[in-house]
Amino acid sequence: MEKALDRELFQYILQLDEAQKKSVLQMLKTFVKGGGKKVPRTSIEQYNKDIDEAIARVEAGEFYTHDEVRRMAKEW
């Protein structure tokens, strides 16, 4: 199975121009290196705290309606 995948990948690479090959190579290097800095995991306690704070903001009226967000996006 891996051989078939390798062959298919190679066939696509052969079809790329020089600039595309450089771009794909950079992407592959990023994948292999792990994509850079790892984001620390959030604890369940912090997650629950964030949710509680978000709910409190909504209950206090601190939110945007869908129409407000659409207007803001058009202005941006």
PDB file of N, CA and C in Angstrom:
ATOM      1  N   MET A   1       0.831  -1.196   0.000  1.00  0.00           N
ATOM      2  CA  MET A   1       0.000   0.000   0.000  1.00  0.00           C
ATOM      3  C   MET A   1       0.868   1.250   0.000  1.00  0.00           C
ATOM      4  N   GLU A   2       1.904   1.278   0.843  1.00  0.00           N
ATOM      5  CA  GLU A   2       2.766   2.450   0.900  1.00  0.00           C
ATOM      6  C   GLU A   2       3.435   2.706  -0.433  1.00  0.00           C
ATOM      7  N   LYS A   3       3.818   1.671  -1.126  1.00  0.00           N
ATOM      8  CA  LYS A   3       4.480   1.823  -2.420  1.00  0.00           C
ATOM      9  C   LYS A   3       3.547   2.517  -3.410  1.00  0.00           C
ATOM     10  N   ALA A   4       2.266   2.140  -3.414  1.00  0.00           N
ATOM     11  CA  ALA A   4       1.301   2.760  -4.320  1.00  0.00           C
ATOM     12  C   ALA A   4       1.143   4.243  -3.983  1.00  0.00           C
ATOM     13  N   LEU A   5       1.118   4.563  -2.712  1.00  0.00           N
ATOM     14  CA  LEU A   5       1.011   5.956  -2.281  1.00  0.00           C
ATOM     15  C   LEU A   5       2.248   6.741  -2.699  1.00  0.00           C
ATOM     16  N   ASP A   6       3.420   6.139  -2.517  1.00  0.00           N
ATOM     17  CA  ASP A   6       4.670   6.795  -2.926  1.00  0.00           C
ATOM     18  C   ASP A   6       4.672   7.059  -4.425  1.00  0.00           C
ATOM     19  N   ARG A   7       4.234   6.077  -5.206  1.00  0.00           N
ATOM     20  CA  ARG A   7       4.206   6.244  -6.662  1.00  0.00           C
ATOM     21  C   ARG A   7       3.243   7.353  -7.070  1.00  0.00           C
ATOM     22  N   GLU A   8       2.064   7.378  -6.442  1.00  0.00           N
ATOM     23  CA  GLU A   8       1.086   8.408  -6.779  1.00  0.00           C
ATOM     24  C   GLU A   8       1.615   9.794  -6.431  1.00  0.00           C
ATOM     25  N   LEU A   9       2.207   9.924  -5.255  1.00  0.00           N
ATOM     26  CA  LEU A   9       2.785  11.194  -4.839  1.00  0.00           C
ATOM     27  C   LEU A   9       3.865  11.636  -5.822  1.00  0.00           C
ATOM     28  N   PHE A  10       4.724  10.716  -6.205  1.00  0.00           N
ATOM     29  CA  PHE A  10       5.811  11.008  -7.133  1.00  0.00           C
ATOM     30  C   PHE A  10       5.261  11.464  -8.488  1.00  0.00           C
ATOM     31  N   GLN A  11       4.205  10.833  -8.970  1.00  0.00           N
ATOM     32  CA  GLN A  11       3.609  11.212 -10.252  1.00  0.00           C
ATOM     33  C   GLN A  11       3.094  12.655 -10.218  1.00  0.00           C
ATOM     34  N   TYR A  12       2.514  13.050  -9.102  1.00  0.00           N
ATOM     35  CA  TYR A  12       2.051  14.440  -8.979  1.00  0.00           C
ATOM     36  C   TYR A  12       3.226  15.406  -8.928  1.00  0.00           C
ATOM     37  N   ILE A  13       4.261  15.048  -8.217  1.00  0.00           N
ATOM     38  CA  ILE A  13       5.441  15.912  -8.109  1.00  0.00           C
ATOM     39  C   ILE A  13       6.068  16.143  -9.476  1.00  0.00           C
ATOM     40  N   LEU A  14       6.096  15.119 -10.305  1.00  0.00           N
ATOM     41  CA  LEU A  14       6.669  15.254 -11.643  1.00  0.00           C
ATOM     42  C   LEU A  14       5.923  16.277 -12.506  1.00  0.00           C
ATOM     43  N   GLN A  15       4.662  16.504 -12.201  1.00  0.00           N
ATOM     44  CA  GLN A  15       3.848  17.425 -12.999  1.00  0.00           C
ATOM     45  C   GLN A  15       4.018  18.892 -12.577  1.00  0.00           C
ATOM     46  N   LEU A  16       4.688  19.144 -11.472  1.00  0.00           N
ATOM     47  CA  LEU A  16       4.824  20.502 -10.954  1.00  0.00           C
ATOM     48  C   LEU A  16       5.923  21.268 -11.667  1.00  0.00           C
ATOM     49  N   ASP A  17       5.753  22.595 -11.740  1.00  0.00           N
ATOM     50  CA  ASP A  17       6.846  23.417 -12.252  1.00  0.00           C
ATOM     51  C   ASP A  17       7.815  23.706 -11.097  1.00  0.00           C
ATOM     52  N   GLU A  18       8.903  24.399 -11.402  1.00  0.00           N
ATOM     53  CA  GLU A  18       9.961  24.616 -10.405  1.00  0.00           C
ATOM     54  C   GLU A  18       9.441  25.358  -9.166  1.00  0.00           C
ATOM     55  N   ALA A  19       8.662  26.407  -9.375  1.00  0.00           N
ATOM     56  CA  ALA A  19       8.140  27.191  -8.244  1.00  0.00           C
ATOM     57  C   ALA A  19       7.208  26.348  -7.378  1.00  0.00           C
ATOM     58  N   GLN A  20       6.378  25.541  -8.002  1.00  0.00           N
ATOM     59  CA  GLN A  20       5.468  24.685  -7.253  1.00  0.00           C
ATOM     60  C   GLN A  20       6.243  23.637  -6.451  1.00  0.00           C
ATOM     61  N   LYS A  21       7.296  23.095  -7.048  1.00  0.00           N
ATOM     62  CA  LYS A  21       8.113  22.116  -6.329  1.00  0.00           C
ATOM     63  C   LYS A  21       8.750  22.738  -5.091  1.00  0.00           C
ATOM     64  N   LYS A  22       9.238  23.974  -5.224  1.00  0.00           N
ATOM     65  CA  LYS A  22       9.834  24.656  -4.074  1.00  0.00           C
ATOM     66  C   LYS A  22       8.794  24.864  -2.980  1.00  0.00           C
ATOM     67  N   SER A  23       7.587  25.231  -3.377  1.00  0.00           N
ATOM     68  CA  SER A  23       6.516  25.447  -2.409  1.00  0.00           C
ATOM     69  C   SER A  23       6.151  24.154  -1.684  1.00  0.00           C
ATOM     70  N   VAL A  24       6.021  23.074  -2.435  1.00  0.00           N
ATOM     71  CA  VAL A  24       5.688  21.779  -1.834  1.00  0.00           C
ATOM     72  C   VAL A  24       6.814  21.312  -0.918  1.00  0.00           C
ATOM     73  N   LEU A  25       8.058  21.520  -1.354  1.00  0.00           N
ATOM     74  CA  LEU A  25       9.196  21.137  -0.528  1.00  0.00           C
ATOM     75  C   LEU A  25       9.172  21.876   0.811  1.00  0.00           C
ATOM     76  N   GLN A  26       8.911  23.180   0.779  1.00  0.00           N
ATOM     77  CA  GLN A  26       8.835  23.954   2.019  1.00  0.00           C
ATOM     78  C   GLN A  26       7.714  23.445   2.921  1.00  0.00           C
ATOM     79  N   MET A  27       6.567  23.119   2.323  1.00  0.00           N
ATOM     80  CA  MET A  27       5.448  22.594   3.095  1.00  0.00           C
ATOM     81  C   MET A  27       5.830  21.274   3.758  1.00  0.00           C
ATOM     82  N   LEU A  28       6.494  20.397   3.003  1.00  0.00           N
ATOM     83  CA  LEU A  28       6.899  19.107   3.556  1.00  0.00           C
ATOM     84  C   LEU A  28       7.902  19.273   4.693  1.00  0.00           C
ATOM     85  N   LYS A  29       8.833  20.204   4.537  1.00  0.00           N
ATOM     86  CA  LYS A  29       9.790  20.468   5.609  1.00  0.00           C
ATOM     87  C   LYS A  29       9.068  20.926   6.870  1.00  0.00           C
ATOM     88  N   THR A  30       8.056  21.768   6.700  1.00  0.00           N
ATOM     89  CA  THR A  30       7.275  22.252   7.843  1.00  0.00           C
ATOM     90  C   THR A  30       6.547  21.089   8.517  1.00  0.00           C
ATOM     91  N   PHE A  31       5.962  20.202   7.723  1.00  0.00           N
ATOM     92  CA  PHE A  31       5.277  19.033   8.283  1.00  0.00           C
ATOM     93  C   PHE A  31       6.245  18.183   9.095  1.00  0.00           C
ATOM     94  N   VAL A  32       7.415  17.916   8.541  1.00  0.00           N
ATOM     95  CA  VAL A  32       8.393  17.047   9.199  1.00  0.00           C
ATOM     96  C   VAL A  32       8.902  17.672  10.490  1.00  0.00           C
ATOM     97  N   LYS A  33       9.102  18.991  10.481  1.00  0.00           N
ATOM     98  CA  LYS A  33       9.585  19.672  11.691  1.00  0.00           C
ATOM     99  C   LYS A  33       8.500  19.788  12.743  1.00  0.00           C
ATOM    100  N   GLY A  34       7.269  19.540  12.388  1.00  0.00           N
ATOM    101  CA  GLY A  34       6.185  19.613  13.363  1.00  0.00           C
ATOM    102  C   GLY A  34       5.439  20.926  13.337  1.00  0.00           C
ATOM    103  N   GLY A  35       5.677  21.746  12.345  1.00  0.00           N
ATOM    104  CA  GLY A  35       4.895  22.958  12.189  1.00  0.00           C
ATOM    105  C   GLY A  35       5.247  24.083  13.128  1.00  0.00           C
ATOM    106  N   GLY A  36       6.368  24.005  13.805  1.00  0.00           N
ATOM    107  CA  GLY A  36       6.765  25.123  14.659  1.00  0.00           C
ATOM    108  C   GLY A  36       6.398  24.907  16.109  1.00  0.00           C
ATOM    109  N   LYS A  37       6.072  26.011  16.776  1.00  0.00           N
ATOM    110  CA  LYS A  37       5.788  25.957  18.205  1.00  0.00           C
ATOM    111  C   LYS A  37       4.513  25.183  18.483  1.00  0.00           C
ATOM    112  N   LYS A  38       4.560  24.397  19.511  1.00  0.00           N
ATOM    113  CA  LYS A  38       3.372  23.667  19.945  1.00  0.00           C
ATOM    114  C   LYS A  38       2.596  24.528  20.936  1.00  0.00           C
ATOM    115  N   VAL A  39       1.303  24.530  20.773  1.00  0.00           N
ATOM    116  CA  VAL A  39       0.439  25.273  21.683  1.00  0.00           C
ATOM    117  C   VAL A  39       0.178  24.399  22.897  1.00  0.00           C
ATOM    118  N   PRO A  40       0.409  24.939  24.093  1.00  0.00           N
ATOM    119  CA  PRO A  40       0.170  24.117  25.282  1.00  0.00           C
ATOM    120  C   PRO A  40      -1.308  23.749  25.412  1.00  0.00           C
ATOM    121  N   ARG A  41      -1.540  22.560  25.887  1.00  0.00           N
ATOM    122  CA  ARG A  41      -2.923  22.109  26.064  1.00  0.00           C
ATOM    123  C   ARG A  41      -3.584  22.885  27.191  1.00  0.00           C
ATOM    124  N   THR A  42      -4.854  23.144  27.028  1.00  0.00           N
ATOM    125  CA  THR A  42      -5.643  23.806  28.055  1.00  0.00           C
ATOM    126  C   THR A  42      -6.170  22.748  29.021  1.00  0.00           C
ATOM    127  N   SER A  43      -6.047  23.028  30.298  1.00  0.00           N
ATOM    128  CA  SER A  43      -6.575  22.088  31.287  1.00  0.00           C
ATOM    129  C   SER A  43      -8.097  22.135  31.265  1.00  0.00           C
ATOM    130  N   ILE A  44      -8.710  21.083  31.767  1.00  0.00           N
ATOM    131  CA  ILE A  44     -10.174  21.050  31.831  1.00  0.00           C
ATOM    132  C   ILE A  44     -10.699  22.159  32.735  1.00  0.00           C
ATOM    133  N   GLU A  45      -9.930  22.490  33.759  1.00  0.00           N
ATOM    134  CA  GLU A  45     -10.341  23.565  34.662  1.00  0.00           C
ATOM    135  C   GLU A  45     -10.349  24.913  33.922  1.00  0.00           C
ATOM    136  N   GLN A  46      -9.284  25.172  33.145  1.00  0.00           N
ATOM    137  CA  GLN A  46      -9.222  26.428  32.384  1.00  0.00           C
ATOM    138  C   GLN A  46     -10.300  26.459  31.314  1.00  0.00           C
ATOM    139  N   TYR A  47     -10.528  25.347  30.663  1.00  0.00           N
ATOM    140  CA  TYR A  47     -11.566  25.255  29.644  1.00  0.00           C
ATOM    141  C   TYR A  47     -12.928  25.605  30.243  1.00  0.00           C
ATOM    142  N   ASN A  48     -13.255  24.995  31.384  1.00  0.00           N
ATOM    143  CA  ASN A  48     -14.540  25.264  32.027  1.00  0.00           C
ATOM    144  C   ASN A  48     -14.641  26.720  32.467  1.00  0.00           C
ATOM    145  N   LYS A  49     -13.545  27.285  32.948  1.00  0.00           N
ATOM    146  CA  LYS A  49     -13.530  28.691  33.352  1.00  0.00           C
ATOM    147  C   LYS A  49     -13.801  29.590  32.146  1.00  0.00           C
ATOM    148  N   ASP A  50     -13.140  29.295  31.020  1.00  0.00           N
ATOM    149  CA  ASP A  50     -13.357  30.082  29.802  1.00  0.00           C
ATOM    150  C   ASP A  50     -14.812  30.018  29.347  1.00  0.00           C
ATOM    151  N   ILE A  51     -15.408  28.823  29.411  1.00  0.00           N
ATOM    152  CA  ILE A  51     -16.813  28.661  29.029  1.00  0.00           C
ATOM    153  C   ILE A  51     -17.712  29.455  29.966  1.00  0.00           C
ATOM    154  N   ASP A  52     -17.480  29.369  31.255  1.00  0.00           N
ATOM    155  CA  ASP A  52     -18.297  30.110  32.224  1.00  0.00           C
ATOM    156  C   ASP A  52     -18.197  31.615  31.992  1.00  0.00           C
ATOM    157  N   GLU A  53     -16.984  32.102  31.696  1.00  0.00           N
ATOM    158  CA  GLU A  53     -16.807  33.528  31.432  1.00  0.00           C
ATOM    159  C   GLU A  53     -17.537  33.943  30.157  1.00  0.00           C
ATOM    160  N   ALA A  54     -17.490  33.101  29.146  1.00  0.00           N
ATOM    161  CA  ALA A  54     -18.183  33.413  27.895  1.00  0.00           C
ATOM    162  C   ALA A  54     -19.687  33.453  28.102  1.00  0.00           C
ATOM    163  N   ILE A  55     -20.213  32.513  28.854  1.00  0.00           N
ATOM    164  CA  ILE A  55     -21.652  32.494  29.143  1.00  0.00           C
ATOM    165  C   ILE A  55     -22.048  33.748  29.915  1.00  0.00           C
ATOM    166  N   ALA A  56     -21.241  34.152  30.867  1.00  0.00           N
ATOM    167  CA  ALA A  56     -21.535  35.356  31.656  1.00  0.00           C
ATOM    168  C   ALA A  56     -21.555  36.595  30.752  1.00  0.00           C
ATOM    169  N   ARG A  57     -20.620  36.674  29.785  1.00  0.00           N
ATOM    170  CA  ARG A  57     -20.608  37.820  28.869  1.00  0.00           C
ATOM    171  C   ARG A  57     -21.876  37.854  28.020  1.00  0.00           C
ATOM    172  N   VAL A  58     -22.303  36.707  27.536  1.00  0.00           N
ATOM    173  CA  VAL A  58     -23.521  36.644  26.727  1.00  0.00           C
ATOM    174  C   VAL A  58     -24.723  37.045  27.569  1.00  0.00           C
ATOM    175  N   GLU A  59     -24.801  36.529  28.781  1.00  0.00           N
ATOM    176  CA  GLU A  59     -25.928  36.868  29.660  1.00  0.00           C
ATOM    177  C   GLU A  59     -25.940  38.351  30.016  1.00  0.00           C
ATOM    178  N   ALA A  60     -24.763  38.999  30.017  1.00  0.00           N
ATOM    179  CA  ALA A  60     -24.669  40.434  30.302  1.00  0.00           C
ATOM    180  C   ALA A  60     -24.925  41.277  29.047  1.00  0.00           C
ATOM    181  N   GLY A  61     -25.193  40.609  27.929  1.00  0.00           N
ATOM    182  CA  GLY A  61     -25.482  41.340  26.702  1.00  0.00           C
ATOM    183  C   GLY A  61     -24.241  41.733  25.914  1.00  0.00           C
ATOM    184  N   GLU A  62     -23.096  41.191  26.274  1.00  0.00           N
ATOM    185  CA  GLU A  62     -21.846  41.530  25.589  1.00  0.00           C
ATOM    186  C   GLU A  62     -21.620  40.573  24.421  1.00  0.00           C
ATOM    187  N   PHE A  63     -22.335  40.795  23.341  1.00  0.00           N
ATOM    188  CA  PHE A  63     -22.177  39.967  22.148  1.00  0.00           C
ATOM    189  C   PHE A  63     -22.655  40.763  20.944  1.00  0.00           C
ATOM    190  N   TYR A  64     -22.338  40.260  19.764  1.00  0.00           N
ATOM    191  CA  TYR A  64     -22.788  40.858  18.510  1.00  0.00           C
ATOM    192  C   TYR A  64     -23.801  39.926  17.872  1.00  0.00           C
ATOM    193  N   THR A  65     -24.834  40.508  17.276  1.00  0.00           N
ATOM    194  CA  THR A  65     -25.789  39.695  16.536  1.00  0.00           C
ATOM    195  C   THR A  65     -25.180  39.324  15.192  1.00  0.00           C
ATOM    196  N   HIS A  66     -25.807  38.403  14.534  1.00  0.00           N
ATOM    197  CA  HIS A  66     -25.344  37.982  13.209  1.00  0.00           C
ATOM    198  C   HIS A  66     -25.342  39.166  12.240  1.00  0.00           C
ATOM    199  N   ASP A  67     -26.409  39.953  12.266  1.00  0.00           N
ATOM    200  CA  ASP A  67     -26.487  41.120  11.376  1.00  0.00           C
ATOM    201  C   ASP A  67     -25.388  42.134  11.683  1.00  0.00           C
ATOM    202  N   GLU A  68     -25.074  42.335  12.954  1.00  0.00           N
ATOM    203  CA  GLU A  68     -23.996  43.258  13.319  1.00  0.00           C
ATOM    204  C   GLU A  68     -22.641  42.774  12.783  1.00  0.00           C
ATOM    205  N   VAL A  69     -22.401  41.500  12.888  1.00  0.00           N
ATOM    206  CA  VAL A  69     -21.141  40.942  12.396  1.00  0.00           C
ATOM    207  C   VAL A  69     -21.064  41.080  10.883  1.00  0.00           C
ATOM    208  N   ARG A  70     -22.162  40.856  10.193  1.00  0.00           N
ATOM    209  CA  ARG A  70     -22.170  41.022   8.729  1.00  0.00           C
ATOM    210  C   ARG A  70     -21.872  42.467   8.342  1.00  0.00           C
ATOM    211  N   ARG A  71     -22.464  43.426   9.062  1.00  0.00           N
ATOM    212  CA  ARG A  71     -22.184  44.843   8.771  1.00  0.00           C
ATOM    213  C   ARG A  71     -20.716  45.173   9.031  1.00  0.00           C
ATOM    214  N   MET A  72     -20.177  44.671  10.134  1.00  0.00           N
ATOM    215  CA  MET A  72     -18.774  44.931  10.455  1.00  0.00           C
ATOM    216  C   MET A  72     -17.870  44.336   9.381  1.00  0.00           C
ATOM    217  N   ALA A  73     -18.212  43.159   8.891  1.00  0.00           N
ATOM    218  CA  ALA A  73     -17.378  42.524   7.873  1.00  0.00           C
ATOM    219  C   ALA A  73     -17.384  43.321   6.579  1.00  0.00           C
ATOM    220  N   LYS A  74     -18.522  43.899   6.235  1.00  0.00           N
ATOM    221  CA  LYS A  74     -18.594  44.718   5.022  1.00  0.00           C
ATOM    222  C   LYS A  74     -17.759  45.986   5.149  1.00  0.00           C
ATOM    223  N   GLU A  75     -17.711  46.547   6.352  1.00  0.00           N
ATOM    224  CA  GLU A  75     -16.945  47.784   6.584  1.00  0.00           C
ATOM    225  C   GLU A  75     -15.467  47.525   6.610  1.00  0.00           C
ATOM    226  N   TRP A  76     -15.075  46.334   6.893  1.00  0.00           N
ATOM    227  CA  TRP A  76     -13.668  45.997   7.052  1.00  0.00           C
ATOM    228  C   TRP A  76     -13.046  45.893   5.750  1.00  0.00           C
TER     229      TRP A  76
END
